[in-house]
Amino acid sequence: MTDLHRGLGQAEGRIVALERNITEINDSLKMQGDRLGNIERMLAETKGGWKVLAAAGSIGAGLMALVIKLFPFIPIGR
């Protein structure tokens, strides 16, 4: 009976350790999922920001090109 009790005690200890490890793994996966969600949200915000920045740059470049093209026709100091 002593060997049986010792074996059961060892098995119980291993089961408790496995349960603890599974709980830690689940917590870690949940934290990683939260981090991934934050990263996805930031990328979505950045994606929209780049579009606005590209549009503003294009409009500014177009207006500057127009000013440079029309500059010779502006009578300044003549």
N, C-alpha and C. Protein backbone atom coordinates (compact mmCIF):
# COMPACT_ATOMS: atom_id res chain seq x y z
N MET A 1 0.81 -1.20 0.00
CA MET A 1 0.00 0.00 0.00
C MET A 1 0.85 1.26 0.00
N THR A 2 2.01 1.17 0.55
CA THR A 2 2.85 2.35 0.62
C THR A 2 3.26 2.79 -0.78
N ASP A 3 3.60 1.86 -1.63
CA ASP A 3 3.97 2.20 -3.00
C ASP A 3 2.79 2.80 -3.75
N LEU A 4 1.62 2.28 -3.48
CA LEU A 4 0.41 2.80 -4.13
C LEU A 4 0.15 4.24 -3.70
N HIS A 5 0.26 4.51 -2.40
CA HIS A 5 0.05 5.87 -1.89
C HIS A 5 1.11 6.83 -2.43
N ARG A 6 2.34 6.36 -2.50
CA ARG A 6 3.42 7.20 -3.02
C ARG A 6 3.17 7.50 -4.50
N GLY A 7 2.79 6.52 -5.25
CA GLY A 7 2.49 6.71 -6.67
C GLY A 7 1.33 7.66 -6.89
N LEU A 8 0.29 7.52 -6.07
CA LEU A 8 -0.86 8.43 -6.18
C LEU A 8 -0.45 9.86 -5.81
N GLY A 9 0.39 10.00 -4.79
CA GLY A 9 0.86 11.33 -4.40
C GLY A 9 1.68 11.97 -5.50
N GLN A 10 2.55 11.19 -6.13
CA GLN A 10 3.34 11.73 -7.24
C GLN A 10 2.46 12.11 -8.41
N ALA A 11 1.49 11.27 -8.72
CA ALA A 11 0.58 11.57 -9.82
C ALA A 11 -0.23 12.84 -9.52
N GLU A 12 -0.66 12.97 -8.27
CA GLU A 12 -1.43 14.16 -7.89
C GLU A 12 -0.56 15.41 -8.01
N GLY A 13 0.68 15.31 -7.60
CA GLY A 13 1.59 16.45 -7.72
C GLY A 13 1.82 16.84 -9.17
N ARG A 14 1.97 15.85 -10.02
CA ARG A 14 2.15 16.14 -11.45
C ARG A 14 0.90 16.78 -12.05
N ILE A 15 -0.25 16.31 -11.64
CA ILE A 15 -1.50 16.87 -12.16
C ILE A 15 -1.66 18.32 -11.74
N VAL A 16 -1.33 18.61 -10.48
CA VAL A 16 -1.42 19.99 -9.99
C VAL A 16 -0.45 20.88 -10.77
N ALA A 17 0.77 20.40 -11.01
CA ALA A 17 1.75 21.17 -11.77
C ALA A 17 1.27 21.40 -13.20
N LEU A 18 0.68 20.37 -13.81
CA LEU A 18 0.16 20.52 -15.17
C LEU A 18 -0.99 21.54 -15.22
N GLU A 19 -1.86 21.49 -14.24
CA GLU A 19 -2.96 22.44 -14.19
C GLU A 19 -2.43 23.86 -14.04
N ARG A 20 -1.40 24.05 -13.23
CA ARG A 20 -0.79 25.36 -13.06
C ARG A 20 -0.17 25.84 -14.37
N ASN A 21 0.52 24.93 -15.05
CA ASN A 21 1.12 25.29 -16.34
C ASN A 21 0.07 25.67 -17.38
N ILE A 22 -1.02 24.92 -17.40
CA ILE A 22 -2.09 25.21 -18.36
C ILE A 22 -2.70 26.58 -18.06
N THR A 23 -2.87 26.91 -16.79
CA THR A 23 -3.41 28.21 -16.42
C THR A 23 -2.47 29.32 -16.85
N GLU A 24 -1.16 29.12 -16.64
CA GLU A 24 -0.18 30.13 -17.06
C GLU A 24 -0.17 30.29 -18.58
N ILE A 25 -0.28 29.20 -19.30
CA ILE A 25 -0.31 29.25 -20.76
C ILE A 25 -1.55 29.99 -21.24
N ASN A 26 -2.69 29.71 -20.63
CA ASN A 26 -3.93 30.41 -21.01
C ASN A 26 -3.82 31.90 -20.75
N ASP A 27 -3.24 32.29 -19.60
CA ASP A 27 -3.06 33.71 -19.30
C ASP A 27 -2.13 34.36 -20.30
N SER A 28 -1.06 33.66 -20.65
CA SER A 28 -0.09 34.18 -21.62
C SER A 28 -0.75 34.37 -22.99
N LEU A 29 -1.54 33.40 -23.40
CA LEU A 29 -2.23 33.50 -24.70
C LEU A 29 -3.22 34.65 -24.71
N LYS A 30 -3.89 34.86 -23.58
CA LYS A 30 -4.84 35.97 -23.51
C LYS A 30 -4.11 37.30 -23.61
N MET A 31 -2.97 37.44 -22.92
CA MET A 31 -2.20 38.68 -23.01
C MET A 31 -1.68 38.90 -24.42
N GLN A 32 -1.22 37.85 -25.09
CA GLN A 32 -0.74 37.97 -26.46
C GLN A 32 -1.87 38.36 -27.40
N GLY A 33 -3.05 37.82 -27.17
CA GLY A 33 -4.20 38.18 -27.99
C GLY A 33 -4.56 39.64 -27.81
N ASP A 34 -4.49 40.14 -26.57
CA ASP A 34 -4.76 41.55 -26.32
C ASP A 34 -3.74 42.43 -27.01
N ARG A 35 -2.47 42.04 -26.93
CA ARG A 35 -1.41 42.81 -27.59
C ARG A 35 -1.62 42.82 -29.10
N LEU A 36 -1.98 41.67 -29.66
CA LEU A 36 -2.21 41.59 -31.10
C LEU A 36 -3.36 42.49 -31.51
N GLY A 37 -4.41 42.52 -30.70
CA GLY A 37 -5.54 43.41 -30.98
C GLY A 37 -5.12 44.87 -30.98
N ASN A 38 -4.25 45.24 -30.02
CA ASN A 38 -3.75 46.62 -29.98
C ASN A 38 -2.92 46.94 -31.20
N ILE A 39 -2.09 46.00 -31.62
CA ILE A 39 -1.25 46.21 -32.80
C ILE A 39 -2.12 46.37 -34.04
N GLU A 40 -3.14 45.53 -34.18
CA GLU A 40 -4.03 45.63 -35.34
C GLU A 40 -4.76 46.96 -35.36
N ARG A 41 -5.18 47.44 -34.20
CA ARG A 41 -5.87 48.73 -34.12
C ARG A 41 -4.93 49.87 -34.52
N MET A 42 -3.70 49.82 -34.02
CA MET A 42 -2.73 50.86 -34.36
C MET A 42 -2.40 50.85 -35.86
N LEU A 43 -2.29 49.67 -36.44
CA LEU A 43 -2.01 49.59 -37.87
C LEU A 43 -3.17 50.14 -38.69
N ALA A 44 -4.39 49.89 -38.25
CA ALA A 44 -5.56 50.42 -38.96
C ALA A 44 -5.56 51.95 -38.90
N GLU A 45 -5.21 52.51 -37.73
CA GLU A 45 -5.17 53.96 -37.60
C GLU A 45 -4.05 54.55 -38.46
N THR A 46 -2.91 53.89 -38.48
CA THR A 46 -1.78 54.37 -39.27
C THR A 46 -2.10 54.32 -40.75
N LYS A 47 -2.81 53.28 -41.16
CA LYS A 47 -3.16 53.14 -42.57
C LYS A 47 -3.98 54.34 -43.05
N GLY A 48 -4.95 54.75 -42.26
CA GLY A 48 -5.75 55.92 -42.61
C GLY A 48 -4.95 57.19 -42.58
N GLY A 49 -4.03 57.32 -41.64
CA GLY A 49 -3.19 58.50 -41.53
C GLY A 49 -2.30 58.67 -42.74
N TRP A 50 -1.74 57.58 -43.24
CA TRP A 50 -0.89 57.65 -44.42
C TRP A 50 -1.66 58.10 -45.65
N LYS A 51 -2.91 57.68 -45.74
CA LYS A 51 -3.72 58.08 -46.88
C LYS A 51 -3.97 59.59 -46.86
N VAL A 52 -4.26 60.12 -45.69
CA VAL A 52 -4.48 61.57 -45.57
C VAL A 52 -3.20 62.32 -45.88
N LEU A 53 -2.08 61.84 -45.35
CA LEU A 53 -0.80 62.49 -45.59
C LEU A 53 -0.44 62.46 -47.08
N ALA A 54 -0.67 61.35 -47.75
CA ALA A 54 -0.38 61.24 -49.18
C ALA A 54 -1.28 62.18 -49.98
N ALA A 55 -2.54 62.27 -49.61
CA ALA A 55 -3.46 63.16 -50.32
C ALA A 55 -3.06 64.62 -50.13
N ALA A 56 -2.70 65.00 -48.91
CA ALA A 56 -2.30 66.38 -48.66
C ALA A 56 -1.01 66.71 -49.43
N GLY A 57 -0.07 65.79 -49.47
CA GLY A 57 1.16 66.01 -50.22
C GLY A 57 0.90 66.15 -51.71
N SER A 58 0.01 65.35 -52.23
CA SER A 58 -0.32 65.43 -53.66
C SER A 58 -0.98 66.75 -54.00
N ILE A 59 -1.89 67.18 -53.17
CA ILE A 59 -2.58 68.45 -53.41
C ILE A 59 -1.57 69.61 -53.32
N GLY A 60 -0.72 69.56 -52.31
CA GLY A 60 0.29 70.61 -52.16
C GLY A 60 1.24 70.66 -53.34
N ALA A 61 1.68 69.51 -53.81
CA ALA A 61 2.59 69.45 -54.95
C ALA A 61 1.90 69.97 -56.21
N GLY A 62 0.64 69.64 -56.39
CA GLY A 62 -0.10 70.12 -57.55
C GLY A 62 -0.26 71.64 -57.53
N LEU A 63 -0.58 72.18 -56.36
CA LEU A 63 -0.72 73.64 -56.26
C LEU A 63 0.62 74.34 -56.49
N MET A 64 1.69 73.78 -55.95
CA MET A 64 3.01 74.39 -56.15
C MET A 64 3.41 74.33 -57.62
N ALA A 65 3.12 73.24 -58.30
CA ALA A 65 3.42 73.14 -59.73
C ALA A 65 2.64 74.20 -60.51
N LEU A 66 1.39 74.44 -60.13
CA LEU A 66 0.58 75.47 -60.78
C LEU A 66 1.17 76.85 -60.57
N VAL A 67 1.59 77.13 -59.36
CA VAL A 67 2.20 78.43 -59.06
C VAL A 67 3.49 78.62 -59.86
N ILE A 68 4.31 77.59 -59.94
CA ILE A 68 5.57 77.69 -60.70
C ILE A 68 5.30 77.89 -62.18
N LYS A 69 4.29 77.23 -62.72
CA LYS A 69 3.94 77.38 -64.14
C LYS A 69 3.43 78.79 -64.43
N LEU A 70 2.66 79.37 -63.50
CA LEU A 70 2.07 80.69 -63.71
C LEU A 70 3.00 81.81 -63.30
N PHE A 71 4.10 81.55 -62.61
CA PHE A 71 4.99 82.57 -62.10
C PHE A 71 5.55 83.51 -63.19
N PRO A 72 5.94 82.99 -64.34
CA PRO A 72 6.47 83.92 -65.39
C PRO A 72 5.42 84.92 -65.88
N PHE A 73 4.17 84.67 -65.72
CA PHE A 73 3.11 85.54 -66.23
C PHE A 73 2.66 86.57 -65.22
N ILE A 74 3.18 86.52 -64.00
CA ILE A 74 2.80 87.48 -62.96
C ILE A 74 3.67 88.73 -63.08
N PRO A 75 3.07 89.90 -63.29
CA PRO A 75 3.88 91.12 -63.46
C PRO A 75 4.35 91.66 -62.11
N ILE A 76 5.56 91.30 -61.73
CA ILE A 76 6.11 91.76 -60.46
C ILE A 76 7.24 92.74 -60.78
N GLY A 77 7.08 93.99 -60.41
CA GLY A 77 8.11 95.01 -60.59
C GLY A 77 8.37 95.40 -62.03
N ARG A 78 7.44 95.23 -62.93
CA ARG A 78 7.66 95.59 -64.34
C ARG A 78 7.10 96.93 -64.63
